[in-house]
Amino acid sequence: MEEETPWTRSLMARIRQESFVLLAAVAIALIAITAGMNAWGALGLLLVMAAAVLWYAVPAVVAPEPPSVVDTEAPVRRSLLPEVSATLSALDIPVMVLSGDASVLFQNRAAEKAFGEVVLGAHISARLRSPGILDMVGETIATNAPNQIEHSERLPSERVYIVRSSPVDLGPDDSAGERLFVLSFRDISEVRRIDRMRSDFVANASHELRTPLASLRGFIETIQGPAKNDLKAQERFLGIMFDQTTRMSRLVDDLLSLSRLELKSHIAPDEKVDLVPLLGHVRDSLLPLARDVGVEIGLHLPEGKAEVLGDRDELVQVFENLMENACKYGQEGKTVDVFLKAGQGEPVEVTVVDRGPGIPAEHVPRLTERFYRVNIEDSRSKKGTGLGLAIVKHILTRHRARLIVKSEVGKGTSFTVRF
């Protein structure tokens, strides 16, 4: 059966609509025949009337216009779909979407925070001036293949990123020829910092152990050779060798302490420790050292108890380190004062103050780094391992406490432990 055309459907609809008029025309023709008109004349009259009715009743049938082609992809390329924009904005890594001419079509909030806001539609070089990134983006646009490089930012702070550029697959129906590219930045600054710290730690630990071992070997060879029969030289060399082995033993003990602290750093202690008798015990144990360097340790303690949650042995280690450092490095001031503050409703604080030469401001932020020394020769001459304050930091981190350092060159230094 032949399919009806739109013109046929429209004509049949008009005939049904004007059926009353057509019936009236038939009735008039019948009346004319009854009145004596020739049948052929009446039929002609009927056809003329019907044609007239249909001529005015049926409008001209216009071929339907083809539906307009809507480029549904164009709005997506001019501004990303809301769902895509919201998804990219929720990412915690900086992301930019670029066009085929390297213009920025979108940047998420992380990118704005890291690199500043860029005018949409501007070339990527308006915000990022790195030749490496620009060359990589140009290569990705030219080859339509992903690339990545490592990029460092020096200002406002040192950051290291893995920057990746990749084309976006828009599907096989991409007739418009427009292309999109994603530029992402993965921050690896912390990874690089940890790697650098690990390398420095291994190098420093090796150096600290190698120095006393070299001394021991040299003295042993001397005793076995030239000083084989020199009892006075042997006695002096054995004393130095004993000091070196003591230094190595102390270094190994500190390394083991750090390792143990790192293993349980996430477990907060829950034992109640009274700091009043603890500080008295630490002061008494350090009196021989204080006398040797000509320093007097003064305790300033409140009445009653000053309890905190902690591990007693670890807290003893903290305050031994702080008081011992104050005595050794602040001995020029002749006095070291220890203040315990435990007011009602206020945090418990212990402050160790010396009146020594002080520490230059540029060194203060790095004091708790492993093996970091303000003065290497001075530290070694005072038998320091360079790990004391690193141990203090790890213990206080486990105790959810803070170490606050204040120093002024020529006036002294204060270390405050705030629980």
Protein backbone atom coordinates (compact mmCIF):
# COMPACT_ATOMS: atom_id res chain seq x y z
CA MET A 1 0.00 0.00 0.00
CA GLU A 2 1.33 3.37 -1.08
CA GLU A 3 2.19 5.57 1.86
CA GLU A 4 0.12 8.76 2.23
CA THR A 5 1.92 11.98 1.60
CA PRO A 6 1.54 15.02 3.83
CA TRP A 7 -0.43 16.73 0.96
CA THR A 8 -2.93 13.81 0.76
CA ARG A 9 -3.42 13.75 4.52
CA SER A 10 -4.05 17.49 4.53
CA LEU A 11 -6.61 17.24 1.66
CA MET A 12 -8.62 14.45 3.33
CA ALA A 13 -8.67 16.42 6.55
CA ARG A 14 -10.10 19.46 4.72
CA ILE A 15 -12.78 17.35 2.99
CA ARG A 16 -13.91 15.99 6.34
CA GLN A 17 -13.90 19.49 7.74
CA GLU A 18 -16.01 20.93 4.85
CA SER A 19 -18.36 17.91 4.47
CA PHE A 20 -21.44 20.03 5.35
CA VAL A 21 -20.75 22.48 2.54
CA LEU A 22 -20.24 19.65 0.03
CA LEU A 23 -23.55 18.03 1.08
CA ALA A 24 -25.32 21.37 0.54
CA ALA A 25 -23.82 21.54 -2.99
CA VAL A 26 -25.20 18.06 -3.79
CA ALA A 27 -28.65 19.09 -2.51
CA ILE A 28 -28.66 22.18 -4.75
CA ALA A 29 -27.73 20.03 -7.75
CA LEU A 30 -30.63 17.65 -7.05
CA ILE A 31 -33.06 20.55 -6.72
CA ALA A 32 -31.81 21.90 -10.07
CA ILE A 33 -32.48 18.52 -11.75
CA THR A 34 -35.97 18.44 -10.24
CA ALA A 35 -36.64 21.92 -11.62
CA GLY A 36 -35.94 20.61 -15.13
CA MET A 37 -32.21 21.26 -15.54
CA ASN A 38 -30.31 18.78 -17.70
CA ALA A 39 -28.56 16.10 -15.61
CA TRP A 40 -25.21 16.90 -17.21
CA GLY A 41 -25.68 20.56 -16.43
CA ALA A 42 -26.57 19.77 -12.82
CA LEU A 43 -23.48 17.56 -12.54
CA GLY A 44 -21.33 20.32 -13.94
CA LEU A 45 -22.81 22.81 -11.48
CA LEU A 46 -22.06 20.35 -8.63
CA LEU A 47 -18.43 19.95 -9.72
CA VAL A 48 -17.91 23.71 -10.02
CA MET A 49 -19.30 24.29 -6.51
CA ALA A 50 -17.23 21.50 -5.03
CA ALA A 51 -14.08 22.79 -6.72
CA ALA A 52 -14.76 26.30 -5.44
CA VAL A 53 -15.30 25.06 -1.91
CA LEU A 54 -12.10 23.01 -1.92
CA TRP A 55 -10.06 25.80 -3.59
CA TYR A 56 -10.82 28.23 -0.77
CA ALA A 57 -10.93 25.66 1.99
CA VAL A 58 -7.62 23.83 1.36
CA PRO A 59 -4.52 26.02 1.88
CA ALA A 60 -1.43 25.60 -0.22
CA VAL A 61 0.58 22.65 1.03
CA VAL A 62 4.16 23.75 1.70
CA ALA A 63 6.91 21.20 1.81
CA PRO A 64 8.11 20.95 5.36
CA GLU A 65 11.45 22.54 6.04
CA PRO A 66 14.19 20.15 7.01
CA PRO A 67 14.88 20.33 10.73
CA SER A 68 17.67 22.72 11.59
CA VAL A 69 20.92 21.01 12.47
CA VAL A 70 21.92 21.96 16.03
CA ASP A 71 25.56 21.62 16.87
CA THR A 72 25.22 20.04 20.26
CA GLU A 73 29.00 19.74 20.62
CA ALA A 74 29.71 23.42 20.17
CA PRO A 75 28.31 24.52 23.55
CA VAL A 76 30.29 21.76 25.20
CA ARG A 77 33.50 23.05 23.68
CA ARG A 78 32.82 26.69 24.34
CA SER A 79 32.06 26.01 28.01
CA LEU A 80 32.30 22.59 29.58
CA LEU A 81 29.14 20.84 30.71
CA PRO A 82 28.20 21.74 34.31
CA GLU A 83 28.75 18.14 35.42
CA VAL A 84 32.26 18.09 33.93
CA SER A 85 33.13 21.50 35.39
CA ALA A 86 31.87 20.46 38.83
CA THR A 87 33.86 17.21 38.69
CA LEU A 88 37.10 18.93 37.70
CA SER A 89 36.58 21.65 40.31
CA ALA A 90 36.24 19.00 43.03
CA LEU A 91 39.69 17.56 42.24
CA ASP A 92 42.49 18.53 44.63
CA ILE A 93 45.09 18.66 41.85
CA PRO A 94 45.39 21.66 39.48
CA VAL A 95 43.71 20.97 36.12
CA MET A 96 43.35 23.16 33.01
CA VAL A 97 41.40 22.42 29.81
CA LEU A 98 42.98 23.84 26.65
CA SER A 99 41.73 24.28 23.09
CA GLY A 100 43.60 23.30 19.93
CA ASP A 101 45.44 26.64 19.91
CA ALA A 102 46.51 26.26 23.59
CA SER A 103 43.92 28.74 24.87
CA VAL A 104 42.60 28.13 28.39
CA LEU A 105 38.92 27.09 28.31
CA PHE A 106 38.66 26.07 31.96
CA GLN A 107 40.71 25.86 35.16
CA ASN A 108 39.60 24.33 38.44
CA ARG A 109 39.89 25.87 41.89
CA ALA A 110 43.13 24.04 42.67
CA ALA A 111 44.73 25.56 39.55
CA GLU A 112 43.53 29.05 40.53
CA LYS A 113 45.02 28.59 44.01
CA ALA A 114 48.35 27.28 42.71
CA PHE A 115 48.93 29.56 39.71
CA GLY A 116 46.42 32.40 40.01
CA GLU A 117 43.29 33.08 37.99
CA VAL A 118 43.71 33.22 34.20
CA VAL A 119 41.32 34.92 31.76
CA LEU A 120 39.40 32.22 29.92
CA GLY A 121 40.30 32.27 26.24
CA ALA A 122 43.80 33.55 26.91
CA HIS A 123 46.83 31.59 25.73
CA ILE A 124 48.41 29.28 28.31
CA SER A 125 51.64 31.29 28.09
CA ALA A 126 49.83 34.22 29.75
CA ARG A 127 49.94 32.28 33.01
CA LEU A 128 52.69 29.67 32.69
CA ARG A 129 56.00 30.93 31.34
CA SER A 130 57.94 27.67 31.68
CA PRO A 131 59.51 26.78 28.31
CA GLY A 132 59.34 23.10 29.23
CA ILE A 133 55.57 23.17 29.79
CA LEU A 134 54.90 25.27 26.69
CA ASP A 135 57.01 22.97 24.51
CA MET A 136 55.25 19.93 25.93
CA VAL A 137 51.80 21.41 25.27
CA GLY A 138 52.83 22.32 21.72
CA GLU A 139 54.10 18.80 21.10
CA THR A 140 50.89 17.24 22.44
CA ILE A 141 48.77 19.47 20.19
CA ALA A 142 50.94 18.67 17.18
CA THR A 143 51.14 14.89 17.71
CA ASN A 144 47.88 14.29 19.64
CA ALA A 145 49.87 12.12 22.05
CA PRO A 146 50.18 12.52 25.84
CA ASN A 147 53.40 13.85 27.40
CA GLN A 148 54.68 14.66 30.87
CA ILE A 149 57.61 16.49 32.45
CA GLU A 150 58.81 17.42 35.95
CA HIS A 151 58.44 21.12 36.71
CA SER A 152 59.71 23.14 39.69
CA GLU A 153 58.26 26.39 41.03
CA ARG A 154 60.54 28.55 43.19
CA LEU A 155 58.10 31.30 44.19
CA PRO A 156 56.17 31.93 46.38
CA SER A 157 57.44 28.61 47.78
CA GLU A 158 59.39 25.72 46.34
CA ARG A 159 57.05 23.20 44.71
CA VAL A 160 57.69 20.28 42.37
CA TYR A 161 55.01 19.02 39.96
CA ILE A 162 54.63 16.19 37.48
CA VAL A 163 52.91 18.06 34.63
CA ARG A 164 50.96 15.94 32.13
CA SER A 165 49.29 17.06 28.90
CA SER A 166 46.84 14.71 27.21
CA PRO A 167 44.30 14.95 24.36
CA VAL A 168 40.61 14.43 25.10
CA ASP A 169 38.82 11.79 23.01
CA LEU A 170 35.60 13.45 21.80
CA GLY A 171 34.37 10.37 19.93
CA PRO A 172 34.03 9.44 16.21
CA ASP A 173 31.32 12.05 15.51
CA ASP A 174 33.69 14.96 15.96
CA SER A 175 32.90 16.53 12.58
CA ALA A 176 33.64 20.06 13.68
CA GLY A 177 37.34 19.25 14.00
CA GLU A 178 37.66 20.96 17.40
CA ARG A 179 40.05 19.39 19.91
CA LEU A 180 40.44 19.62 23.68
CA PHE A 181 43.48 18.94 25.84
CA VAL A 182 43.84 18.46 29.60
CA LEU A 183 46.84 19.87 31.47
CA SER A 184 47.21 18.41 34.99
CA PHE A 185 49.71 19.07 37.80
CA ARG A 186 50.54 16.40 40.41
CA ASP A 187 52.34 17.88 43.41
CA ILE A 188 55.27 15.69 44.46
CA SER A 189 56.98 18.28 46.67
CA GLU A 190 56.48 16.23 49.83
CA VAL A 191 57.78 13.07 48.15
CA ARG A 192 60.89 14.90 46.98
CA ARG A 193 61.39 16.40 50.46
CA ILE A 194 61.13 12.97 52.10
CA ASP A 195 63.53 11.48 49.55
CA ARG A 196 65.99 14.30 50.21
CA MET A 197 65.67 13.84 53.97
CA ARG A 198 66.23 10.08 53.61
CA SER A 199 69.31 10.62 51.47
CA ASP A 200 70.65 13.24 53.89
CA PHE A 201 69.94 10.96 56.82
CA VAL A 202 71.83 8.02 55.31
CA ALA A 203 74.73 10.28 54.30
CA ASN A 204 74.91 11.95 57.71
CA ALA A 205 74.57 8.71 59.66
CA SER A 206 77.31 7.13 57.55
CA HIS A 207 79.53 10.14 58.09
CA GLU A 208 78.92 10.23 61.84
CA LEU A 209 79.81 6.54 62.16
CA ARG A 210 82.72 6.67 59.72
CA THR A 211 84.56 9.42 61.65
CA PRO A 212 84.92 7.56 64.98
CA LEU A 213 85.59 4.27 63.16
CA ALA A 214 88.43 5.89 61.24
CA SER A 215 89.86 7.22 64.52
CA LEU A 216 89.62 3.81 66.16
CA ARG A 217 91.35 2.13 63.24
CA GLY A 218 94.14 4.71 63.21
CA PHE A 219 94.81 4.39 66.94
CA ILE A 220 94.73 0.59 66.80
CA GLU A 221 97.28 0.61 63.97
CA THR A 222 99.45 3.04 65.97
CA ILE A 223 99.32 0.89 69.10
CA GLN A 224 100.19 -2.19 67.06
CA GLY A 225 103.02 -0.36 65.30
CA PRO A 226 105.02 2.69 66.44
CA ALA A 227 103.48 2.84 69.95
CA LYS A 228 103.72 -0.88 70.56
CA ASN A 229 106.04 -0.41 73.53
CA ASP A 230 105.00 3.17 74.51
CA LEU A 231 102.76 2.67 77.55
CA LYS A 232 102.02 6.40 78.01
CA ALA A 233 100.93 6.77 74.36
CA GLN A 234 98.82 3.63 74.63
CA GLU A 235 97.06 4.97 77.73
CA ARG A 236 96.31 8.28 75.99
CA PHE A 237 95.13 6.54 72.79
CA LEU A 238 92.92 4.12 74.73
CA GLY A 239 91.21 7.07 76.43
CA ILE A 240 90.46 8.64 73.03
CA MET A 241 89.26 5.30 71.68
CA PHE A 242 86.92 4.95 74.65
CA ASP A 243 85.45 8.39 73.92
CA GLN A 244 84.93 7.48 70.26
CA THR A 245 83.20 4.19 71.09
CA THR A 246 81.01 6.04 73.58
CA ARG A 247 80.10 8.51 70.87
CA MET A 248 79.21 5.70 68.45
CA SER A 249 77.16 3.95 71.14
CA ARG A 250 75.27 7.17 71.85
CA LEU A 251 74.63 7.69 68.13
CA VAL A 252 73.30 4.14 67.68
CA ASP A 253 71.08 4.54 70.75
CA ASP A 254 69.63 7.77 69.33
CA LEU A 255 69.00 6.14 65.95
CA LEU A 256 67.19 3.26 67.63
CA SER A 257 65.16 5.72 69.70
CA LEU A 258 64.08 7.54 66.56
CA SER A 259 63.12 4.27 64.90
CA ARG A 260 61.02 3.18 67.89
CA LEU A 261 59.32 6.58 68.11
CA GLU A 262 58.39 6.53 64.42
CA LEU A 263 56.77 3.10 64.80
CA LYS A 264 54.43 4.27 67.57
CA SER A 265 54.05 7.95 66.63
CA HIS A 266 50.33 7.45 65.90
CA ILE A 267 49.59 6.08 69.39
CA ALA A 268 49.01 8.81 71.96
CA PRO A 269 50.06 7.88 75.53
CA ASP A 270 47.29 7.78 78.14
CA GLU A 271 49.28 7.60 81.41
CA LYS A 272 49.07 10.50 83.87
CA VAL A 273 52.50 11.98 84.61
CA ASP A 274 53.21 14.64 87.26
CA LEU A 275 55.81 17.01 85.83
CA VAL A 276 56.83 18.50 89.19
CA PRO A 277 58.82 15.52 90.51
CA LEU A 278 59.87 14.56 86.96
CA LEU A 279 61.63 17.88 86.35
CA GLY A 280 63.30 17.61 89.77
CA HIS A 281 64.61 14.16 88.85
CA VAL A 282 65.97 15.40 85.50
CA ARG A 283 67.68 18.38 87.16
CA ASP A 284 69.33 16.13 89.77
CA SER A 285 70.63 13.73 87.10
CA LEU A 286 72.25 16.61 85.20
CA LEU A 287 73.94 18.28 88.21
CA PRO A 288 77.36 16.62 87.54
CA LEU A 289 77.31 17.87 83.91
CA ALA A 290 76.21 21.35 85.07
CA ARG A 291 79.07 21.53 87.57
CA ASP A 292 81.59 20.45 84.93
CA VAL A 293 80.58 23.30 82.59
CA GLY A 294 80.05 25.84 85.39
CA VAL A 295 76.30 26.20 85.05
CA GLU A 296 73.63 26.36 87.74
CA ILE A 297 70.19 24.91 86.94
CA GLY A 298 67.30 26.74 88.63
CA LEU A 299 63.84 25.15 88.92
CA HIS A 300 60.71 27.33 89.19
CA LEU A 301 57.83 25.00 90.02
CA PRO A 302 54.24 25.71 91.11
CA GLU A 303 52.70 24.27 94.25
CA GLY A 304 50.75 21.08 93.89
CA LYS A 305 50.64 18.77 90.91
CA ALA A 306 51.01 19.50 87.20
CA GLU A 307 49.74 16.37 85.47
CA VAL A 308 49.71 15.64 81.76
CA LEU A 309 48.96 12.54 79.70
CA GLY A 310 52.25 11.04 78.59
CA ASP A 311 54.96 8.41 78.78
CA ARG A 312 57.22 9.12 81.76
CA ASP A 313 60.43 7.73 80.24
CA GLU A 314 59.93 9.65 77.00
CA LEU A 315 59.21 12.91 78.84
CA VAL A 316 62.37 12.39 80.91
CA GLN A 317 64.24 12.05 77.60
CA VAL A 318 62.68 15.30 76.31
CA PHE A 319 63.64 17.44 79.28
CA GLU A 320 67.07 15.81 79.62
CA ASN A 321 67.82 16.79 76.03
CA LEU A 322 66.57 20.36 76.50
CA MET A 323 68.36 20.96 79.82
CA GLU A 324 71.58 19.29 78.64
CA ASN A 325 71.63 21.42 75.47
CA ALA A 326 71.00 24.55 77.54
CA CYS A 327 73.91 23.69 79.82
CA LYS A 328 76.36 22.81 77.04
CA TYR A 329 75.50 25.51 74.48
CA GLY A 330 74.48 28.24 76.93
CA GLN A 331 77.28 27.78 79.46
CA GLU A 332 78.50 31.34 78.83
CA GLY A 333 75.44 32.62 80.69
CA LYS A 334 76.28 30.48 83.76
CA THR A 335 72.60 29.86 84.58
CA VAL A 336 69.78 27.78 83.13
CA ASP A 337 66.22 28.36 84.37
CA VAL A 338 63.36 25.88 84.05
CA PHE A 339 59.82 27.26 84.45
CA LEU A 340 56.73 25.10 84.87
CA LYS A 341 53.40 26.81 84.22
CA ALA A 342 50.18 24.97 85.11
CA GLY A 343 47.38 27.49 85.56
CA GLN A 344 43.74 26.48 85.87
CA GLY A 345 42.14 26.16 82.42
CA GLU A 346 45.43 26.91 80.65
CA PRO A 347 47.80 24.53 78.84
CA VAL A 348 50.70 23.12 80.84
CA GLU A 349 54.00 24.64 79.69
CA VAL A 350 57.63 23.88 80.52
CA THR A 351 60.19 26.48 79.41
CA VAL A 352 63.97 25.95 79.49
CA VAL A 353 65.88 29.25 79.25
CA ASP A 354 69.62 29.78 78.82
CA ARG A 355 71.57 33.02 78.56
CA GLY A 356 74.11 31.89 76.02
CA PRO A 357 75.08 33.31 72.63
CA GLY A 358 71.67 32.63 71.08
CA ILE A 359 70.81 31.12 67.70
CA PRO A 360 70.62 33.13 64.45
CA ALA A 361 67.06 33.35 63.12
CA GLU A 362 67.79 31.48 59.87
CA HIS A 363 68.75 28.34 61.83
CA VAL A 364 65.74 28.18 64.17
CA PRO A 365 63.25 26.51 61.74
CA ARG A 366 65.71 23.67 61.04
CA LEU A 367 66.81 22.86 64.59
CA THR A 368 64.67 19.70 64.81
CA GLU A 369 66.01 18.21 61.56
CA ARG A 370 68.14 15.11 61.95
CA PHE A 371 71.88 15.84 62.13
CA TYR A 372 71.29 19.56 61.64
CA ARG A 373 73.83 21.64 63.55
CA VAL A 374 74.22 25.39 63.88
CA ASN A 375 77.96 24.92 64.43
CA ILE A 376 79.32 21.49 63.49
CA GLU A 377 82.67 21.75 65.27
CA ASP A 378 81.10 23.18 68.43
CA SER A 379 78.51 20.40 68.46
CA ARG A 380 81.08 17.63 68.06
CA SER A 381 83.35 19.12 70.68
CA LYS A 382 80.41 18.96 73.09
CA LYS A 383 79.72 15.32 72.11
CA GLY A 384 76.43 16.03 70.39
CA THR A 385 74.99 13.54 67.91
CA GLY A 386 72.77 16.00 66.04
CA LEU A 387 69.69 13.89 66.86
CA GLY A 388 68.64 15.25 70.25
CA LEU A 389 66.08 17.80 69.08
CA ALA A 390 64.81 15.43 66.38
CA ILE A 391 64.02 12.93 69.15
CA VAL A 392 62.35 15.71 71.18
CA LYS A 393 60.17 16.63 68.20
CA HIS A 394 59.07 13.01 67.61
CA ILE A 395 58.23 12.47 71.28
CA LEU A 396 56.22 15.68 71.49
CA THR A 397 54.39 14.82 68.28
CA ARG A 398 53.32 11.52 69.86
CA HIS A 399 52.23 13.45 72.98
CA ARG A 400 50.25 15.93 70.82
CA ALA A 401 52.42 18.72 72.23
CA ARG A 402 54.28 21.61 70.60
CA LEU A 403 57.87 22.81 70.78
CA ILE A 404 58.23 26.60 70.59
CA VAL A 405 61.73 28.05 70.10
CA LYS A 406 62.61 31.69 70.69
CA SER A 407 66.15 33.00 70.42
CA GLU A 408 67.98 36.29 70.21
CA VAL A 409 71.63 36.48 69.32
CA GLY A 410 73.70 37.62 72.31
CA LYS A 411 70.83 37.19 74.79
CA GLY A 412 70.02 33.50 74.88
CA THR A 413 67.44 30.93 73.84
CA SER A 414 64.21 29.52 75.27
CA PHE A 415 62.59 26.17 74.42
CA THR A 416 58.95 25.85 75.47
CA VAL A 417 57.03 22.57 75.56
CA ARG A 418 53.29 23.26 75.43
CA PHE A 419 50.92 20.36 76.17
